[in-house]
Protein backbone atom coordinates (compact mmCIF):
# COMPACT_ATOMS: atom_id res chain seq x y z
CA UNK A 1 174.67 -3.38 15.57
CA UNK A 2 174.56 -5.52 18.70
CA UNK A 3 174.46 -8.75 16.67
CA UNK A 4 177.88 -7.97 15.15
CA UNK A 5 179.69 -7.00 18.34
CA UNK A 6 179.27 -4.59 21.21
CA UNK A 7 178.08 -1.62 19.14
CA UNK A 8 174.56 -0.59 20.06
CA UNK A 9 171.79 -0.42 17.48
CA UNK A 10 171.16 3.13 16.32
CA UNK A 11 168.15 4.89 14.86
CA UNK A 12 169.83 4.79 11.43
CA UNK A 13 170.34 1.05 11.78
CA UNK A 14 166.62 0.54 12.41
CA UNK A 15 165.78 2.77 9.45
CA UNK A 16 167.92 0.63 7.13
CA UNK A 17 166.41 -2.60 8.49
CA UNK A 18 162.86 -1.29 8.10
CA UNK A 19 163.48 0.31 4.70
CA UNK A 20 162.18 3.69 5.87
CA UNK A 21 163.65 7.04 6.81
CA UNK A 22 165.11 7.75 10.25
CA UNK A 23 162.35 10.31 10.83
CA UNK A 24 159.71 7.62 10.21
CA UNK A 25 161.45 5.35 12.72
CA UNK A 26 161.55 8.18 15.26
CA UNK A 27 157.85 8.89 14.82
CA UNK A 28 156.99 5.19 15.06
CA UNK A 29 158.97 4.79 18.27
CA UNK A 30 157.08 7.76 19.68
CA UNK A 31 153.73 6.22 18.64
CA UNK A 32 152.98 9.15 16.31
CA UNK A 33 149.44 9.21 14.89
CA UNK A 34 150.69 9.86 11.35
CA UNK A 35 152.45 6.48 11.18
CA UNK A 36 150.26 3.50 10.33
CA UNK A 37 149.78 0.77 12.92
CA UNK A 38 151.40 -2.00 10.76
CA UNK A 39 154.48 0.19 10.21
CA UNK A 40 154.73 0.96 13.93
CA UNK A 41 154.43 -2.72 14.82
CA UNK A 42 157.11 -3.69 12.29
CA UNK A 43 159.52 -1.07 13.63
CA UNK A 44 158.75 -1.95 17.27
CA UNK A 45 159.46 -5.62 16.45
CA UNK A 46 162.81 -4.72 14.88
CA UNK A 47 163.69 -2.52 17.85
CA UNK A 48 162.95 -5.34 20.25
CA UNK A 49 164.80 -7.90 18.15
CA UNK A 50 167.93 -5.74 17.99
CA UNK A 51 167.78 -4.58 21.63
CA UNK A 52 167.09 -0.95 20.82
CA UNK A 53 165.96 0.62 24.10
CA UNK A 54 163.04 2.53 22.68
CA UNK A 55 160.62 2.54 25.61
CA UNK A 56 162.47 5.48 27.12
CA UNK A 57 161.57 7.54 24.04
CA UNK A 58 157.83 6.94 24.31
CA UNK A 59 155.48 9.67 25.56
CA UNK A 60 155.14 9.66 29.33
CA UNK A 61 151.38 8.81 29.43
CA UNK A 62 152.07 5.44 27.81
CA UNK A 63 154.34 4.55 30.71
CA UNK A 64 152.55 6.19 33.63
CA UNK A 65 152.68 4.51 37.03
CA UNK A 66 153.18 0.77 36.79
CA UNK A 67 152.87 0.63 33.01
CA UNK A 68 149.90 -0.21 30.85
CA UNK A 69 147.99 -3.34 29.83
CA UNK A 70 146.06 -4.01 26.63
CA UNK A 71 142.97 -6.25 26.61
CA UNK A 72 142.19 -8.16 23.42
CA UNK A 73 139.31 -10.50 22.56
CA UNK A 74 139.69 -13.44 20.16
CA UNK A 75 137.43 -14.41 17.31
CA UNK A 76 134.98 -17.16 18.20
CA UNK A 77 133.21 -18.97 15.35
CA UNK A 78 134.10 -16.22 12.88
CA UNK A 79 133.26 -13.14 14.95
CA UNK A 80 134.79 -11.21 17.83
CA UNK A 81 133.74 -12.21 21.32
CA UNK A 82 131.16 -9.57 22.38
CA UNK A 83 132.55 -7.21 25.01
CA UNK A 84 128.93 -6.39 25.88
CA UNK A 85 128.51 -9.86 27.42
CA UNK A 86 127.74 -9.25 31.12
CA UNK A 87 130.35 -11.72 32.32
CA UNK A 88 133.12 -10.06 30.33
CA UNK A 89 132.01 -6.66 31.60
CA UNK A 90 132.42 -7.94 35.15
CA UNK A 91 135.80 -9.47 34.27
CA UNK A 92 136.91 -6.19 32.67
CA UNK A 93 135.89 -4.35 35.84
CA UNK A 94 138.00 -6.69 37.97
CA UNK A 95 141.00 -6.22 35.67
CA UNK A 96 140.52 -2.46 35.86
CA UNK A 97 140.38 -2.48 39.65
CA UNK A 98 143.51 -4.65 39.85
CA UNK A 99 145.36 -2.41 37.38
CA UNK A 100 144.33 0.74 39.25
CA UNK A 101 145.61 -0.75 42.51
CA UNK A 102 148.99 -1.13 40.79
CA UNK A 103 148.94 2.40 39.30
CA UNK A 104 148.72 0.77 35.89
CA UNK A 105 146.72 1.98 32.88
CA UNK A 106 144.67 -0.44 30.81
CA UNK A 107 142.98 -0.19 27.42
CA UNK A 108 140.54 -2.38 25.53
CA UNK A 109 141.75 -2.91 21.99
CA UNK A 110 139.38 -2.43 19.06
CA UNK A 111 141.18 -5.29 17.28
CA UNK A 112 140.18 -8.95 17.62
CA UNK A 113 142.55 -11.89 17.17
CA UNK A 114 141.82 -14.81 14.87
CA UNK A 115 145.28 -16.09 13.93
CA UNK A 116 148.85 -16.37 15.15
CA UNK A 117 149.74 -13.24 13.21
CA UNK A 118 146.92 -11.36 14.93
CA UNK A 119 148.28 -12.48 18.30
CA UNK A 120 151.78 -11.33 17.34
CA UNK A 121 150.45 -7.98 16.16
CA UNK A 122 148.55 -7.50 19.43
CA UNK A 123 151.63 -8.20 21.56
CA UNK A 124 154.19 -6.59 19.28
CA UNK A 125 154.08 -3.12 20.77
CA UNK A 126 156.38 -1.20 23.02
CA UNK A 127 153.52 0.80 24.52
CA UNK A 128 152.20 -1.87 26.90
CA UNK A 129 153.52 -4.01 29.73
CA UNK A 130 151.61 -6.96 28.30
CA UNK A 131 148.34 -8.22 26.84
CA UNK A 132 145.39 -10.01 28.41
CA UNK A 133 143.46 -12.16 25.95
CA UNK A 134 139.87 -12.77 27.07
CA UNK A 135 139.34 -16.34 25.91
CA UNK A 136 141.10 -19.00 23.87
CA UNK A 137 138.50 -19.81 21.19
CA UNK A 138 140.36 -22.07 18.69
CA UNK A 139 143.73 -20.39 19.26
CA UNK A 140 145.34 -22.83 21.72
CA UNK A 141 148.08 -23.92 19.28
CA UNK A 142 148.69 -20.32 18.23
CA UNK A 143 149.04 -19.26 21.87
CA UNK A 144 151.59 -22.05 22.36
CA UNK A 145 153.61 -20.70 19.43
CA UNK A 146 153.33 -17.17 20.79
CA UNK A 147 154.69 -18.44 24.12
CA UNK A 148 157.93 -19.34 22.33
CA UNK A 149 158.51 -15.65 21.50
CA UNK A 150 159.35 -12.75 23.81
CA UNK A 151 155.71 -11.68 23.95
CA UNK A 152 154.34 -11.00 27.42
CA UNK A 153 150.72 -12.08 27.70
CA UNK A 154 148.22 -14.07 29.72
CA UNK A 155 144.97 -15.75 28.65
CA UNK A 156 141.65 -15.98 30.46
CA UNK A 157 140.46 -19.53 29.82
CA UNK A 158 140.92 -23.22 30.43
CA UNK A 159 144.18 -24.98 31.24
CA UNK A 160 144.78 -27.51 28.45
CA UNK A 161 147.13 -30.47 27.92
CA UNK A 162 150.50 -29.44 26.54
CA UNK A 163 149.91 -25.78 27.35
CA UNK A 164 153.04 -23.60 27.35
CA UNK A 165 151.43 -20.19 27.89
CA UNK A 166 150.18 -18.55 31.08
CA UNK A 167 146.46 -18.69 31.77
CA UNK A 168 143.95 -17.90 34.50
CA UNK A 169 140.54 -19.56 34.72
CA UNK A 170 138.21 -21.53 36.95
CA UNK A 171 138.23 -25.29 37.56
CA UNK A 172 135.67 -25.93 34.84
CA UNK A 173 135.47 -29.70 35.22
CA UNK A 174 134.73 -29.47 38.94
CA UNK A 175 132.27 -26.64 38.31
CA UNK A 176 130.37 -28.63 35.70
CA UNK A 177 130.31 -31.71 37.89
CA UNK A 178 129.14 -29.76 40.93
CA UNK A 179 126.28 -28.11 39.01
CA UNK A 180 125.03 -31.38 37.52
CA UNK A 181 125.30 -33.30 40.78
CA UNK A 182 123.20 -30.67 42.52
CA UNK A 183 120.44 -31.10 39.93
CA UNK A 184 120.64 -34.90 40.18
CA UNK A 185 120.42 -34.81 43.98
CA UNK A 186 117.03 -33.16 43.55
CA UNK A 187 115.76 -36.32 41.86
CA UNK A 188 116.05 -35.09 38.25
CA UNK A 189 117.08 -37.75 35.71
CA UNK A 190 116.72 -35.99 32.36
CA UNK A 191 119.32 -33.24 32.62
CA UNK A 192 119.88 -31.01 29.60
CA UNK A 193 123.36 -29.56 28.91
CA UNK A 194 123.76 -26.24 27.07
CA UNK A 195 127.25 -25.22 25.99
CA UNK A 196 129.44 -23.95 23.19
CA UNK A 197 132.55 -25.31 21.49
CA UNK A 198 135.17 -23.30 23.38
CA UNK A 199 137.65 -25.07 25.71
CA UNK A 200 135.93 -23.88 28.89
CA UNK A 201 132.55 -25.26 27.77
CA UNK A 202 134.22 -28.55 26.78
CA UNK A 203 135.61 -28.93 30.28
CA UNK A 204 132.25 -28.10 31.86
CA UNK A 205 130.68 -30.73 29.60
CA UNK A 206 133.21 -33.23 30.93
CA UNK A 207 132.14 -32.42 34.47
CA UNK A 208 128.50 -32.87 33.42
CA UNK A 209 129.24 -36.34 32.01
CA UNK A 210 131.20 -37.33 35.12
CA UNK A 211 128.25 -36.31 37.31
CA UNK A 212 125.81 -38.32 35.19
CA UNK A 213 128.01 -41.40 35.56
CA UNK A 214 128.34 -40.89 39.32
CA UNK A 215 124.54 -40.59 39.59
CA UNK A 216 123.95 -43.66 37.42
CA UNK A 217 122.14 -41.59 34.77
CA UNK A 218 122.45 -42.75 31.18
CA UNK A 219 123.82 -40.27 28.63
CA UNK A 220 121.26 -39.10 26.03
CA UNK A 221 122.99 -37.24 23.20
CA UNK A 222 119.76 -35.37 22.46
CA UNK A 223 120.23 -33.65 25.83
CA UNK A 224 123.61 -32.15 24.91
CA UNK A 225 122.84 -29.05 22.87
CA UNK A 226 125.40 -26.69 21.35
CA UNK A 227 124.62 -23.01 21.78
CA UNK A 228 126.58 -19.75 21.83
CA UNK A 229 127.26 -17.59 24.89
CA UNK A 230 124.08 -15.62 24.22
CA UNK A 231 120.64 -15.46 25.76
CA UNK A 232 118.88 -15.64 22.37
CA UNK A 233 120.84 -18.68 21.19
CA UNK A 234 119.92 -20.67 24.29
CA UNK A 235 116.32 -19.50 24.14
CA UNK A 236 115.94 -20.71 20.53
CA UNK A 237 117.64 -24.04 21.20
CA UNK A 238 115.49 -24.87 24.22
CA UNK A 239 112.30 -23.82 22.43
CA UNK A 240 113.14 -26.09 19.50
CA UNK A 241 113.93 -28.98 21.84
CA UNK A 242 110.58 -28.61 23.63
CA UNK A 243 108.73 -28.40 20.32
CA UNK A 244 110.44 -31.59 19.14
CA UNK A 245 109.04 -33.48 22.13
CA UNK A 246 112.34 -34.19 23.91
CA UNK A 247 111.65 -34.30 27.65
CA UNK A 248 113.95 -32.92 30.34
CA UNK A 249 113.46 -32.03 34.00
CA UNK A 250 116.85 -30.44 34.72
CA UNK A 251 119.14 -28.06 32.86
CA UNK A 252 122.78 -27.07 33.27
CA UNK A 253 123.91 -24.11 31.16
CA UNK A 254 127.59 -23.16 30.88
CA UNK A 255 126.82 -19.47 31.39
CA UNK A 256 124.19 -17.55 33.35
CA UNK A 257 123.08 -15.78 30.18
CA UNK A 258 122.31 -19.14 28.54
CA UNK A 259 120.42 -20.24 31.64
CA UNK A 260 118.28 -17.09 31.60
CA UNK A 261 117.50 -17.61 27.91
CA UNK A 262 116.53 -21.21 28.62
CA UNK A 263 114.19 -20.10 31.43
CA UNK A 264 112.41 -17.76 29.01
CA UNK A 265 111.79 -20.63 26.58
CA UNK A 266 110.65 -22.98 29.36
CA UNK A 267 108.12 -20.48 30.66
CA UNK A 268 106.84 -19.65 27.21
CA UNK A 269 106.09 -23.36 26.75
CA UNK A 270 103.84 -23.28 29.82
CA UNK A 271 106.35 -24.97 32.14
CA UNK A 272 107.70 -23.59 35.40
CA UNK A 273 111.09 -23.27 37.02
CA UNK A 274 111.94 -25.04 39.29
CA UNK A 275 108.77 -27.13 39.59
CA UNK A 276 109.02 -28.68 36.11
CA UNK A 277 112.68 -27.96 35.32
CA UNK A 278 115.54 -27.27 37.72
CA UNK A 279 118.06 -24.83 36.23
CA UNK A 280 121.70 -24.13 37.12
CA UNK A 281 123.93 -21.58 35.37
CA UNK A 282 127.61 -20.71 35.51
CA UNK A 283 129.42 -17.42 36.37
CA UNK A 284 127.27 -15.85 39.14
CA UNK A 285 126.79 -12.58 37.29
CA UNK A 286 124.77 -9.77 38.85
CA UNK A 287 121.85 -10.80 36.61
CA UNK A 288 121.73 -14.18 38.36
CA UNK A 289 120.87 -12.43 41.62
CA UNK A 290 118.24 -10.18 40.03
CA UNK A 291 116.38 -12.69 37.83
CA UNK A 292 112.98 -14.24 38.60
CA UNK A 293 113.43 -16.85 39.94
CA UNK A 294 116.91 -16.03 41.21
CA UNK A 295 119.43 -18.30 39.53
CA UNK A 296 121.34 -21.15 41.13
CA UNK A 297 124.81 -20.98 39.60
CA UNK A 298 128.51 -21.78 39.79
CA UNK A 299 130.49 -18.77 40.99
CA UNK A 300 133.78 -17.81 39.35
CA UNK A 301 135.95 -15.46 41.38
CA UNK A 302 136.32 -12.63 38.85
CA UNK A 303 137.97 -10.35 41.42
CA UNK A 304 140.79 -12.82 42.01
CA UNK A 305 140.96 -13.53 38.26
CA UNK A 306 141.61 -9.88 37.52
CA UNK A 307 144.24 -9.64 40.23
CA UNK A 308 146.07 -12.74 38.99
CA UNK A 309 146.07 -11.69 35.34
CA UNK A 310 147.44 -8.24 36.11
CA UNK A 311 150.03 -9.71 38.49
CA UNK A 312 151.15 -12.24 35.88
CA UNK A 313 152.09 -9.39 33.54
CA UNK A 314 153.62 -7.02 36.07
CA UNK A 315 155.32 -9.70 38.20
CA UNK A 316 155.98 -12.53 35.70
CA UNK A 317 158.69 -14.18 37.80
CA UNK A 318 156.22 -14.68 40.66
CA UNK A 319 153.54 -16.27 38.48
CA UNK A 320 153.79 -20.05 38.22
CA UNK A 321 152.35 -20.47 34.71
CA UNK A 322 148.68 -20.95 35.40
CA UNK A 323 146.06 -19.90 37.87
CA UNK A 324 143.20 -22.35 38.39
CA UNK A 325 140.53 -20.75 40.56
CA UNK A 326 138.13 -22.77 42.73
CA UNK A 327 134.41 -22.72 41.98
CA UNK A 328 131.49 -22.44 44.38
CA UNK A 329 127.89 -23.61 44.02
CA UNK A 330 125.50 -20.75 44.86
CA UNK A 331 122.04 -22.16 45.59
CA UNK A 332 119.06 -19.95 44.80
CA UNK A 333 115.46 -20.39 43.68
CA UNK A 334 115.85 -21.88 40.19
CA UNK A 335 116.77 -25.32 41.54
CA UNK A 336 114.13 -25.60 44.24
CA UNK A 337 116.66 -26.52 46.93
């Protein structure tokens, strides 16, 4: 084999390494439906490790145009990130448009990643040009380890200290600061923060705290509430806060869906938006423009995000390691100004 000199790795060599028959190796390299996914992945990994040029043997549809990209979601708090979330649907659309412009196929994987092995399994395939992971969840260290392999991938999410993998995401700290400052400029002093535990929400929380300090507003830990990226989670949390008697006159939510859930709870309590509570979301989804009142929010450039993620996989030498997108405050009715 190549490791012992100049002789190229053969199909029989791979069969011996994998402990299977040459016909099984041949079927696996051709992505045959009769071969299990774990067996295929193991054989693909061996082929890559021993420089067996197996992509040329794959069916033509898997390599049409500029290649193909797989999209994978991570587990977040024990469950897969919901692809039905409106923001991720918009992000998927932008990835699809960018891939189509490059004559590149893309697929959304049914699998979700919750460990380093899951990440390796997702990227360990000869049928794709690379993988886009939609979110980091708690996998930052695992992504760093994956970056030390030959895997080609990019992550939608925050840029973190010590990061060795490629990522694309918005400037979350600036976005969080900009949203909170806008609420404070309207004279609000009791500003509620709604956010999850993911890295992006952590950075938006940092921006929120920086804005409070700049506006000389004291931090009240009761006004920092952990919720999931769901309308119902935010609605329940805000309802419970109101019932407990905690007062607030402003609210910054780290997603538009959270903000819309919060507005539902505020109205149900007999309060109005923006007269009693000014509300700012994050993402600028289509729903933000259609809600009543229309939602003031921080816009993320999903179109550019999709273009950058696709380009990072198809033109890796041109991508500088991370893409931090600017944010923009979009003022609508929910903030009163």
